[in-house]
PDB file of N, CA and C in Angstrom:
ATOM      1  N   MET A   1      28.700  62.017 -30.978  1.00  0.00           N
ATOM      2  CA  MET A   1      28.544  60.579 -30.888  1.00  0.00           C
ATOM      3  C   MET A   1      29.774  59.901 -31.463  1.00  0.00           C
ATOM      4  N   ASN A   2      30.239  58.878 -30.783  1.00  0.00           N
ATOM      5  CA  ASN A   2      31.432  58.158 -31.196  1.00  0.00           C
ATOM      6  C   ASN A   2      31.030  57.012 -32.121  1.00  0.00           C
ATOM      7  N   ASN A   3      31.480  57.095 -33.372  1.00  0.00           N
ATOM      8  CA  ASN A   3      31.154  56.069 -34.355  1.00  0.00           C
ATOM      9  C   ASN A   3      32.354  55.211 -34.711  1.00  0.00           C
ATOM     10  N   ASP A   4      33.320  55.114 -33.797  1.00  0.00           N
ATOM     11  CA  ASP A   4      34.479  54.267 -34.049  1.00  0.00           C
ATOM     12  C   ASP A   4      34.050  52.813 -34.122  1.00  0.00           C
ATOM     13  N   PRO A   5      34.772  52.028 -34.927  1.00  0.00           N
ATOM     14  CA  PRO A   5      34.481  50.593 -34.976  1.00  0.00           C
ATOM     15  C   PRO A   5      34.723  49.953 -33.601  1.00  0.00           C
ATOM     16  N   TRP A   6      34.065  48.852 -33.349  1.00  0.00           N
ATOM     17  CA  TRP A   6      34.160  48.203 -32.039  1.00  0.00           C
ATOM     18  C   TRP A   6      35.584  47.813 -31.683  1.00  0.00           C
ATOM     19  N   ARG A   7      36.394  47.450 -32.680  1.00  0.00           N
ATOM     20  CA  ARG A   7      37.785  47.071 -32.410  1.00  0.00           C
ATOM     21  C   ARG A   7      38.589  48.252 -31.857  1.00  0.00           C
ATOM     22  N   VAL A   8      38.355  49.410 -32.412  1.00  0.00           N
ATOM     23  CA  VAL A   8      39.031  50.623 -31.942  1.00  0.00           C
ATOM     24  C   VAL A   8      38.574  50.941 -30.514  1.00  0.00           C
ATOM     25  N   LYS A   9      37.277  50.839 -30.279  1.00  0.00           N
ATOM     26  CA  LYS A   9      36.750  51.083 -28.932  1.00  0.00           C
ATOM     27  C   LYS A   9      37.354  50.102 -27.933  1.00  0.00           C
ATOM     28  N   PHE A  10      37.419  48.825 -28.328  1.00  0.00           N
ATOM     29  CA  PHE A  10      37.976  47.805 -27.446  1.00  0.00           C
ATOM     30  C   PHE A  10      39.435  48.100 -27.124  1.00  0.00           C
ATOM     31  N   ARG A  11      40.238  48.392 -28.154  1.00  0.00           N
ATOM     32  CA  ARG A  11      41.664  48.662 -27.925  1.00  0.00           C
ATOM     33  C   ARG A  11      41.858  49.866 -27.015  1.00  0.00           C
ATOM     34  N   ARG A  12      41.079  50.901 -27.212  1.00  0.00           N
ATOM     35  CA  ARG A  12      41.166  52.100 -26.391  1.00  0.00           C
ATOM     36  C   ARG A  12      40.847  51.772 -24.930  1.00  0.00           C
ATOM     37  N   GLU A  13      39.784  51.034 -24.715  1.00  0.00           N
ATOM     38  CA  GLU A  13      39.397  50.670 -23.350  1.00  0.00           C
ATOM     39  C   GLU A  13      40.376  49.680 -22.734  1.00  0.00           C
ATOM     40  N   ASP A  14      40.912  48.787 -23.540  1.00  0.00           N
ATOM     41  CA  ASP A  14      41.902  47.831 -23.051  1.00  0.00           C
ATOM     42  C   ASP A  14      43.163  48.560 -22.590  1.00  0.00           C
ATOM     43  N   GLU A  15      43.602  49.560 -23.324  1.00  0.00           N
ATOM     44  CA  GLU A  15      44.757  50.368 -22.919  1.00  0.00           C
ATOM     45  C   GLU A  15      44.467  51.099 -21.610  1.00  0.00           C
ATOM     46  N   LEU A  16      43.256  51.606 -21.460  1.00  0.00           N
ATOM     47  CA  LEU A  16      42.874  52.287 -20.228  1.00  0.00           C
ATOM     48  C   LEU A  16      42.904  51.324 -19.040  1.00  0.00           C
ATOM     49  N   VAL A  17      42.395  50.125 -19.228  1.00  0.00           N
ATOM     50  CA  VAL A  17      42.415  49.122 -18.155  1.00  0.00           C
ATOM     51  C   VAL A  17      43.857  48.821 -17.748  1.00  0.00           C
ATOM     52  N   GLU A  18      44.750  48.672 -18.714  1.00  0.00           N
ATOM     53  CA  GLU A  18      46.151  48.398 -18.401  1.00  0.00           C
ATOM     54  C   GLU A  18      46.778  49.548 -17.622  1.00  0.00           C
ATOM     55  N   GLN A  19      46.479  50.787 -18.018  1.00  0.00           N
ATOM     56  CA  GLN A  19      47.008  51.947 -17.302  1.00  0.00           C
ATOM     57  C   GLN A  19      46.484  51.993 -15.864  1.00  0.00           C
ATOM     58  N   LEU A  20      45.209  51.728 -15.705  1.00  0.00           N
ATOM     59  CA  LEU A  20      44.618  51.749 -14.373  1.00  0.00           C
ATOM     60  C   LEU A  20      45.175  50.645 -13.487  1.00  0.00           C
ATOM     61  N   GLN A  21      45.412  49.476 -14.049  1.00  0.00           N
ATOM     62  CA  GLN A  21      46.002  48.375 -13.280  1.00  0.00           C
ATOM     63  C   GLN A  21      47.412  48.737 -12.818  1.00  0.00           C
ATOM     64  N   ALA A  22      48.179  49.390 -13.671  1.00  0.00           N
ATOM     65  CA  ALA A  22      49.533  49.810 -13.300  1.00  0.00           C
ATOM     66  C   ALA A  22      49.471  50.852 -12.185  1.00  0.00           C
ATOM     67  N   GLN A  23      48.532  51.790 -12.283  1.00  0.00           N
ATOM     68  CA  GLN A  23      48.377  52.800 -11.241  1.00  0.00           C
ATOM     69  C   GLN A  23      47.939  52.172  -9.929  1.00  0.00           C
ATOM     70  N   LEU A  24      47.074  51.178  -9.999  1.00  0.00           N
ATOM     71  CA  LEU A  24      46.618  50.485  -8.801  1.00  0.00           C
ATOM     72  C   LEU A  24      47.778  49.768  -8.110  1.00  0.00           C
ATOM     73  N   LEU A  25      48.629  49.114  -8.868  1.00  0.00           N
ATOM     74  CA  LEU A  25      49.786  48.436  -8.313  1.00  0.00           C
ATOM     75  C   LEU A  25      50.723  49.435  -7.636  1.00  0.00           C
ATOM     76  N   GLU A  26      50.984  50.549  -8.286  1.00  0.00           N
ATOM     77  CA  GLU A  26      51.849  51.579  -7.699  1.00  0.00           C
ATOM     78  C   GLU A  26      51.250  52.128  -6.409  1.00  0.00           C
ATOM     79  N   ALA A  27      49.944  52.363  -6.401  1.00  0.00           N
ATOM     80  CA  ALA A  27      49.276  52.875  -5.204  1.00  0.00           C
ATOM     81  C   ALA A  27      49.337  51.853  -4.071  1.00  0.00           C
ATOM     82  N   ALA A  28      49.162  50.580  -4.391  1.00  0.00           N
ATOM     83  CA  ALA A  28      49.238  49.531  -3.368  1.00  0.00           C
ATOM     84  C   ALA A  28      50.630  49.465  -2.762  1.00  0.00           C
ATOM     85  N   GLU A  29      51.654  49.646  -3.583  1.00  0.00           N
ATOM     86  CA  GLU A  29      53.021  49.643  -3.073  1.00  0.00           C
ATOM     87  C   GLU A  29      53.264  50.841  -2.154  1.00  0.00           C
ATOM     88  N   ARG A  30      52.793  52.020  -2.547  1.00  0.00           N
ATOM     89  CA  ARG A  30      52.943  53.208  -1.696  1.00  0.00           C
ATOM     90  C   ARG A  30      52.164  53.054  -0.394  1.00  0.00           C
ATOM     91  N   ARG A  31      50.985  52.476  -0.493  1.00  0.00           N
ATOM     92  CA  ARG A  31      50.140  52.241   0.684  1.00  0.00           C
ATOM     93  C   ARG A  31      50.827  51.263   1.635  1.00  0.00           C
ATOM     94  N   GLY A  32      51.382  50.200   1.098  1.00  0.00           N
ATOM     95  CA  GLY A  32      52.102  49.243   1.922  1.00  0.00           C
ATOM     96  C   GLY A  32      53.306  49.864   2.599  1.00  0.00           C
ATOM     97  N   ALA A  33      54.037  50.698   1.868  1.00  0.00           N
ATOM     98  CA  ALA A  33      55.192  51.378   2.455  1.00  0.00           C
ATOM     99  C   ALA A  33      54.757  52.304   3.583  1.00  0.00           C
ATOM    100  N   ALA A  34      53.625  52.960   3.424  1.00  0.00           N
ATOM    101  CA  ALA A  34      53.102  53.833   4.477  1.00  0.00           C
ATOM    102  C   ALA A  34      52.735  53.013   5.717  1.00  0.00           C
ATOM    103  N   LEU A  35      52.165  51.832   5.515  1.00  0.00           N
ATOM    104  CA  LEU A  35      51.838  50.977   6.655  1.00  0.00           C
ATOM    105  C   LEU A  35      53.097  50.513   7.377  1.00  0.00           C
ATOM    106  N   VAL A  36      54.159  50.256   6.633  1.00  0.00           N
ATOM    107  CA  VAL A  36      55.431  49.893   7.248  1.00  0.00           C
ATOM    108  C   VAL A  36      55.928  51.049   8.111  1.00  0.00           C
ATOM    109  N   GLU A  37      55.786  52.281   7.626  1.00  0.00           N
ATOM    110  CA  GLU A  37      56.149  53.453   8.427  1.00  0.00           C
ATOM    111  C   GLU A  37      55.283  53.533   9.680  1.00  0.00           C
ATOM    112  N   GLY A  38      54.013  53.229   9.534  1.00  0.00           N
ATOM    113  CA  GLY A  38      53.116  53.226  10.684  1.00  0.00           C
ATOM    114  C   GLY A  38      53.531  52.197  11.720  1.00  0.00           C
ATOM    115  N   LEU A  39      53.987  51.048  11.256  1.00  0.00           N
ATOM    116  CA  LEU A  39      54.463  50.011  12.167  1.00  0.00           C
ATOM    117  C   LEU A  39      55.685  50.500  12.934  1.00  0.00           C
ATOM    118  N   ALA A  40      56.582  51.179  12.239  1.00  0.00           N
ATOM    119  CA  ALA A  40      57.778  51.712  12.903  1.00  0.00           C
ATOM    120  C   ALA A  40      57.377  52.746  13.959  1.00  0.00           C
ATOM    121  N   GLU A  41      56.369  53.537  13.672  1.00  0.00           N
ATOM    122  CA  GLU A  41      55.926  54.576  14.599  1.00  0.00           C
ATOM    123  C   GLU A  41      55.122  54.014  15.770  1.00  0.00           C
ATOM    124  N   LEU A  42      54.171  53.141  15.479  1.00  0.00           N
ATOM    125  CA  LEU A  42      53.245  52.679  16.509  1.00  0.00           C
ATOM    126  C   LEU A  42      53.687  51.406  17.215  1.00  0.00           C
ATOM    127  N   GLY A  43      54.524  50.604  16.561  1.00  0.00           N
ATOM    128  CA  GLY A  43      55.109  49.453  17.215  1.00  0.00           C
ATOM    129  C   GLY A  43      54.424  48.116  17.011  1.00  0.00           C
ATOM    130  N   THR A  44      53.124  48.092  16.715  1.00  0.00           N
ATOM    131  CA  THR A  44      52.450  46.808  16.485  1.00  0.00           C
ATOM    132  C   THR A  44      51.501  46.916  15.299  1.00  0.00           C
ATOM    133  N   VAL A  45      51.294  45.776  14.665  1.00  0.00           N
ATOM    134  CA  VAL A  45      50.345  45.720  13.552  1.00  0.00           C
ATOM    135  C   VAL A  45      48.945  46.064  14.051  1.00  0.00           C
ATOM    136  N   TYR A  46      48.601  45.573  15.231  1.00  0.00           N
ATOM    137  CA  TYR A  46      47.280  45.844  15.800  1.00  0.00           C
ATOM    138  C   TYR A  46      47.022  47.344  15.905  1.00  0.00           C
ATOM    139  N   LYS A  47      47.998  48.087  16.411  1.00  0.00           N
ATOM    140  CA  LYS A  47      47.820  49.538  16.563  1.00  0.00           C
ATOM    141  C   LYS A  47      47.681  50.227  15.209  1.00  0.00           C
ATOM    142  N   VAL A  48      48.460  49.768  14.228  1.00  0.00           N
ATOM    143  CA  VAL A  48      48.372  50.354  12.882  1.00  0.00           C
ATOM    144  C   VAL A  48      46.989  50.074  12.300  1.00  0.00           C
ATOM    145  N   ALA A  49      46.535  48.827  12.391  1.00  0.00           N
ATOM    146  CA  ALA A  49      45.229  48.453  11.846  1.00  0.00           C
ATOM    147  C   ALA A  49      44.117  49.260  12.498  1.00  0.00           C
ATOM    148  N   LYS A  50      44.181  49.397  13.795  1.00  0.00           N
ATOM    149  CA  LYS A  50      43.160  50.160  14.518  1.00  0.00           C
ATOM    150  C   LYS A  50      43.183  51.622  14.085  1.00  0.00           C
ATOM    151  N   ASP A  51      44.381  52.177  13.943  1.00  0.00           N
ATOM    152  CA  ASP A  51      44.515  53.588  13.575  1.00  0.00           C
ATOM    153  C   ASP A  51      43.946  53.882  12.187  1.00  0.00           C
ATOM    154  N   VAL A  52      44.158  52.964  11.240  1.00  0.00           N
ATOM    155  CA  VAL A  52      43.687  53.205   9.867  1.00  0.00           C
ATOM    156  C   VAL A  52      42.299  52.629   9.606  1.00  0.00           C
ATOM    157  N   GLY A  53      41.745  51.912  10.595  1.00  0.00           N
ATOM    158  CA  GLY A  53      40.396  51.376  10.444  1.00  0.00           C
ATOM    159  C   GLY A  53      40.290  50.186   9.514  1.00  0.00           C
ATOM    160  N   LYS A  54      41.364  49.401   9.440  1.00  0.00           N
ATOM    161  CA  LYS A  54      41.365  48.198   8.599  1.00  0.00           C
ATOM    162  C   LYS A  54      41.520  46.971   9.484  1.00  0.00           C
ATOM    163  N   SER A  55      41.236  45.808   8.919  1.00  0.00           N
ATOM    164  CA  SER A  55      41.365  44.582   9.699  1.00  0.00           C
ATOM    165  C   SER A  55      42.840  44.298   9.979  1.00  0.00           C
ATOM    166  N   TYR A  56      43.056  43.576  11.075  1.00  0.00           N
ATOM    167  CA  TYR A  56      44.408  43.172  11.432  1.00  0.00           C
ATOM    168  C   TYR A  56      45.020  42.348  10.302  1.00  0.00           C
ATOM    169  N   THR A  57      44.252  41.418   9.761  1.00  0.00           N
ATOM    170  CA  THR A  57      44.767  40.517   8.728  1.00  0.00           C
ATOM    171  C   THR A  57      45.196  41.280   7.478  1.00  0.00           C
ATOM    172  N   ALA A  58      44.352  42.182   6.993  1.00  0.00           N
ATOM    173  CA  ALA A  58      44.693  42.952   5.790  1.00  0.00           C
ATOM    174  C   ALA A  58      45.926  43.814   6.026  1.00  0.00           C
ATOM    175  N   THR A  59      45.980  44.434   7.196  1.00  0.00           N
ATOM    176  CA  THR A  59      47.119  45.294   7.525  1.00  0.00           C
ATOM    177  C   THR A  59      48.392  44.470   7.651  1.00  0.00           C
ATOM    178  N   SER A  60      48.311  43.342   8.343  1.00  0.00           N
ATOM    179  CA  SER A  60      49.470  42.475   8.521  1.00  0.00           C
ATOM    180  C   SER A  60      49.988  41.964   7.179  1.00  0.00           C
ATOM    181  N   ASN A  61      49.083  41.551   6.315  1.00  0.00           N
ATOM    182  CA  ASN A  61      49.492  41.040   4.994  1.00  0.00           C
ATOM    183  C   ASN A  61      50.179  42.120   4.173  1.00  0.00           C
ATOM    184  N   ALA A  62      49.654  43.333   4.194  1.00  0.00           N
ATOM    185  CA  ALA A  62      50.267  44.429   3.436  1.00  0.00           C
ATOM    186  C   ALA A  62      51.641  44.761   3.997  1.00  0.00           C
ATOM    187  N   ILE A  63      51.761  44.780   5.308  1.00  0.00           N
ATOM    188  CA  ILE A  63      53.058  45.073   5.920  1.00  0.00           C
ATOM    189  C   ILE A  63      54.067  43.982   5.575  1.00  0.00           C
ATOM    190  N   LYS A  64      53.656  42.735   5.654  1.00  0.00           N
ATOM    191  CA  LYS A  64      54.564  41.627   5.317  1.00  0.00           C
ATOM    192  C   LYS A  64      55.030  41.728   3.871  1.00  0.00           C
ATOM    193  N   LYS A  65      54.138  42.121   2.999  1.00  0.00           N
ATOM    194  CA  LYS A  65      54.465  42.201   1.577  1.00  0.00           C
ATOM    195  C   LYS A  65      55.453  43.323   1.275  1.00  0.00           C
ATOM    196  N   TYR A  66      55.356  44.426   2.001  1.00  0.00           N
ATOM    197  CA  TYR A  66      56.165  45.601   1.654  1.00  0.00           C
ATOM    198  C   TYR A  66      57.269  45.917   2.654  1.00  0.00           C
ATOM    199  N   ARG A  67      57.387  45.144   3.738  1.00  0.00           N
ATOM    200  CA  ARG A  67      58.432  45.399   4.716  1.00  0.00           C
ATOM    201  C   ARG A  67      59.778  44.976   4.134  1.00  0.00           C
ATOM    202  N   PRO A  68      60.809  45.791   4.337  1.00  0.00           N
ATOM    203  CA  PRO A  68      62.150  45.387   3.878  1.00  0.00           C
ATOM    204  C   PRO A  68      62.565  44.077   4.548  1.00  0.00           C
ATOM    205  N   GLU A  69      63.316  43.265   3.854  1.00  0.00           N
ATOM    206  CA  GLU A  69      63.757  41.970   4.369  1.00  0.00           C
ATOM    207  C   GLU A  69      64.552  42.162   5.666  1.00  0.00           C
ATOM    208  N   GLY A  70      64.341  41.230   6.582  1.00  0.00           N
ATOM    209  CA  GLY A  70      65.109  41.244   7.808  1.00  0.00           C
ATOM    210  C   GLY A  70      64.441  41.935   8.973  1.00  0.00           C
ATOM    211  N   ARG A  71      63.392  42.714   8.721  1.00  0.00           N
ATOM    212  CA  ARG A  71      62.679  43.387   9.818  1.00  0.00           C
ATOM    213  C   ARG A  71      61.555  42.479  10.281  1.00  0.00           C
ATOM    214  N   THR A  72      61.470  42.288  11.579  1.00  0.00           N
ATOM    215  CA  THR A  72      60.468  41.363  12.099  1.00  0.00           C
ATOM    216  C   THR A  72      59.586  41.986  13.157  1.00  0.00           C
ATOM    217  N   THR A  73      59.549  43.281  13.294  1.00  0.00           N
ATOM    218  CA  THR A  73      58.727  43.930  14.298  1.00  0.00           C
ATOM    219  C   THR A  73      57.265  43.591  14.081  1.00  0.00           C
ATOM    220  N   GLU A  74      56.602  43.117  15.096  1.00  0.00           N
ATOM    221  CA  GLU A  74      55.171  42.833  15.044  1.00  0.00           C
ATOM    222  C   GLU A  74      54.533  43.714  16.065  1.00  0.00           C
TER     223      GLU A  74
END
C-alpha cells in the first residue's frame, strides 16, 4: 500500500501527465508526417482519408499542419 503524502502523489502523477502529453505530441507529429507521405503516394486527401478510415476533414487538417511549406497537392 502506498502511504505517500498527497503532495508526493500529485507531483508524481503530474510528471506522468506531462510525459504523456509530450509523447502524444510526438506521435501526432509522426502521424501527420505519415499522412503527408500518403498524400504523396495516393495523390488526394480524399484517397488518404478513405484508406486510413478517417474523415476527410481530420485528414486534411493533419496534412495541412504537417506538410512542408510550399506543397499544395490536394
